[in-house]
Protein backbone atom coordinates (compact mmCIF):
# COMPACT_ATOMS: atom_id res chain seq x y z
CA MET A 1 74.57 113.23 118.49
CA GLU A 2 76.39 115.07 115.77
CA THR A 3 76.61 111.70 114.01
CA ILE A 4 72.83 111.29 114.23
CA VAL A 5 71.65 114.77 112.90
CA PRO A 6 72.34 114.10 109.02
CA TYR A 7 70.07 111.19 109.54
CA THR A 8 67.27 113.07 111.53
CA ALA A 9 64.77 112.69 108.46
CA ALA A 10 65.11 108.97 108.55
CA ILE A 11 64.39 108.93 112.33
CA ILE A 12 61.55 111.14 112.18
CA SER A 13 60.08 108.67 109.61
CA LEU A 14 60.53 105.83 111.85
CA LEU A 15 59.08 107.32 114.72
CA LEU A 16 55.91 108.65 112.42
CA PHE A 17 55.50 105.06 111.50
CA THR A 18 55.77 103.99 115.01
CA LEU A 19 53.04 106.36 116.02
CA ILE A 20 50.67 105.15 113.38
CA VAL A 21 51.23 101.46 114.52
CA LEU A 22 50.59 102.70 118.14
CA LEU A 23 47.37 104.73 117.15
CA GLN A 24 46.45 101.67 114.94
CA SER A 25 46.67 99.47 118.23
CA ALA A 26 44.43 101.66 120.29
CA LEU A 27 41.82 101.69 117.14
CA VAL A 28 42.14 97.99 116.90
CA GLY A 29 41.20 97.67 120.82
CA ALA A 30 38.53 99.95 120.60
CA GLY A 31 37.22 98.12 117.61
CA LYS A 32 37.47 94.75 118.69
CA ALA A 33 35.80 95.83 122.24
CA LYS A 34 32.72 97.20 120.34
CA ALA A 35 32.52 94.08 118.07
CA GLY A 36 32.55 91.91 121.41
CA LEU A 37 36.07 90.44 121.00
CA THR A 38 38.32 89.58 123.53
CA PRO A 39 41.89 91.18 124.06
CA GLY A 40 44.36 89.31 121.99
CA SER A 41 41.79 87.47 119.71
CA ASP A 42 41.76 87.97 115.75
CA PRO A 43 38.63 89.06 114.20
CA LYS A 44 36.98 86.29 111.88
CA VAL A 45 38.70 86.41 108.31
CA ASP A 46 36.46 88.55 106.28
CA TYR A 47 38.09 91.44 103.94
CA ASP A 48 34.59 93.30 103.77
CA SER A 49 35.08 93.80 107.72
CA PRO A 50 36.77 97.22 108.63
CA ILE A 51 37.93 95.59 112.18
CA TYR A 52 39.49 92.68 110.36
CA ARG A 53 41.17 94.92 107.86
CA LEU A 54 42.52 97.41 110.91
CA ASN A 55 43.72 94.51 112.44
CA ARG A 56 45.63 92.79 109.55
CA SER A 57 47.11 96.32 108.83
CA HIS A 58 48.31 96.82 112.32
CA GLN A 59 49.58 93.52 112.77
CA ASN A 60 51.66 94.01 109.32
CA GLY A 61 53.10 97.20 110.84
CA VAL A 62 54.11 95.32 114.04
CA GLU A 63 55.77 92.62 112.15
CA ILE A 64 57.84 94.86 110.01
CA MET A 65 58.66 97.25 112.44
CA PRO A 66 61.61 95.43 113.88
CA ALA A 67 63.11 95.12 110.50
CA ALA A 68 62.91 98.46 109.86
CA ALA A 69 64.41 99.76 113.05
CA ILE A 70 67.19 97.31 112.36
CA ALA A 71 67.97 98.39 108.87
CA LEU A 72 67.78 102.19 109.97
CA PHE A 73 69.71 102.21 112.81
CA THR A 74 72.44 99.66 111.20
CA SER A 75 72.64 102.03 108.44
CA ILE A 76 73.34 104.89 110.72
CA PHE A 77 75.86 103.05 112.98
CA LEU A 78 77.85 102.10 109.73
CA GLY A 79 77.80 105.54 108.01
CA VAL A 80 75.65 104.57 105.09
CA SER A 81 74.83 107.93 102.93
CA PRO A 82 72.61 110.15 104.91
CA GLY A 83 71.06 111.21 101.55
CA TRP A 84 69.89 107.64 100.68
CA VAL A 85 68.98 106.47 104.29
CA ASN A 86 66.79 109.79 104.74
CA MET A 87 65.10 109.27 101.08
CA LEU A 88 64.50 105.21 101.74
CA MET A 89 63.04 106.13 104.90
CA ALA A 90 60.88 108.43 103.81
CA VAL A 91 59.69 106.21 100.90
CA PHE A 92 59.19 103.48 103.21
CA LEU A 93 56.89 105.71 105.62
CA LEU A 94 54.95 107.00 102.49
CA THR A 95 54.43 103.59 101.28
CA ARG A 96 53.15 102.51 105.04
CA ILE A 97 51.01 105.46 105.01
CA ILE A 98 49.33 104.55 101.48
CA TYR A 99 49.31 100.73 102.60
CA VAL A 100 47.22 101.59 105.75
CA ALA A 101 44.72 103.55 103.54
CA ILE A 102 44.35 101.02 100.88
CA TYR A 103 43.73 98.33 103.55
CA ALA A 104 41.08 100.52 105.51
CA ARG A 105 39.12 101.46 102.39
CA ASN A 106 39.60 97.91 100.84
CA VAL A 107 40.97 98.86 97.69
CA GLY A 108 41.50 96.29 95.27
CA LYS A 109 41.82 92.48 95.53
CA PRO A 110 42.93 90.59 98.76
CA THR A 111 45.87 89.61 97.06
CA GLN A 112 48.42 90.22 94.24
CA GLY A 113 46.48 93.66 94.21
CA VAL A 114 47.61 97.31 94.68
CA ARG A 115 48.33 96.66 98.41
CA THR A 116 50.57 93.96 97.37
CA ILE A 117 52.44 96.43 95.35
CA ILE A 118 52.55 99.08 97.99
CA PHE A 119 53.93 96.49 100.44
CA VAL A 120 56.30 95.34 98.37
CA LEU A 121 57.96 98.66 97.44
CA GLY A 122 58.20 99.46 101.22
CA TRP A 123 59.58 96.33 101.74
CA ALA A 124 62.02 96.76 99.19
CA THR A 125 63.30 100.22 100.75
CA LEU A 126 64.63 98.17 103.79
CA VAL A 127 66.34 95.61 101.57
CA ALA A 128 68.03 98.53 99.95
CA LEU A 129 69.18 99.60 103.28
CA CYS A 130 70.32 96.18 104.30
CA LEU A 131 72.11 95.64 101.74
CA MET A 132 73.68 99.19 101.81
CA SER A 133 74.85 98.26 105.33
CA ILE A 134 76.45 94.92 104.10
CA TRP A 135 78.26 96.74 101.36
CA ALA A 136 79.62 99.24 103.83
CA LEU A 137 81.05 96.19 106.09
CA ILE A 138 82.83 94.74 102.99
C-alpha cells in the first residue's frame, strides 16, 4: 500500500473516468430503450442525434479505458515519478470530461475539430505514460 499512496491522485483519476463511462452506459441504455433500439444495437449514424453522440462517446471511453489502466498501473509498478503520473492522469481525466461535454453538445465538426484535438491531447498523456514506463525499463 505504501508504494501506491504517492499515486493516489492518478488512481482516483482513473476511477472517476471509470465512473463516467459507467454512467454513460446507463444513459445509453435508457436512451436506446426510449428510442426503441434493442440492447447492443447502434443508433443510426447521425451527429445531430443526441443518442448517437452519447453512444459514440461511451464507446470511445470503453475503447480507451484498457490503455489508460495499463499505462497507469505499469507506470506505478515500475516506479515512474508519481508527480508526472499524477499530473498526466489528471490531464487525461480533464480531457475525457471535456471530450464528453463537447460530444454531448455537438460542438465543432464531426471530424478534425475541437473534439479531435481534445481526444488527441488525452491520448498523448497515455502515450507519455507508456514511454516513461519503457524508459524506466531500459
